[in-house]
């Protein structure tokens, strides 16, 4: 069902709707091993969840020379099974249902490539909750989430003052700020309160059960 464009929420995917750590980190480790590069332990790679992978691999590899090769290898491992090694966060489906009931139009806005994001949304049962999905392109277009949000606004005709971005990392909150939009930093993902406040989050939310109240308080303000 289409929702009115005057009330909308943009949702990050990884770290906000699902915990993707096992699949993303495992695929990253496999890509590094295939390149013959050092493979950090799982817990040392949690920071890669959220930002565009090209940027993360450039950091891991000390430059951009092998970053594209690493992305290609990562996608192979990820498509071979890592994509579904994720788990929806407890309480997130109820929160989405409540927000739809309140009249918000819900749209996924993710740095994950769109084809992968569509598979995740469909596999884990999110499709019926969302009115649209926007993601990065495989060639790197819209890796920059600020540019992705601007593109989304142009396509959907959204007014930034009538919605907010919901995500767990500062690339979500900074991207919202660049588009003059409010943001809610969620604390059940991979960014902590310090990161999200530094990234300009308008508000913080500790648990999916609190999201409805947090959104409605922010939008009323």
Foldseek 3Di string as FASTA:
>chain_A
DDFDLLAAEEEEPDQTFKPLQVLQLVLLQQLCVVVVHDRDDSVVPQVCTAAAQLVVVCVVVVHNPCSVVSVVSSVVSSVVPSLPNIGTAPLQVVLLVVVVVVRYAYEYQYQPAPVSVVVSCVVHVNVVSHPYYWYAHPVGRCSQSLVRVVVVCVVSVHDQLRYEYEEAALSRLLSSVSVVHAYEHEDSGRHHPVRNVVSPHPYYHDGSVCVNVVRVVVSVD
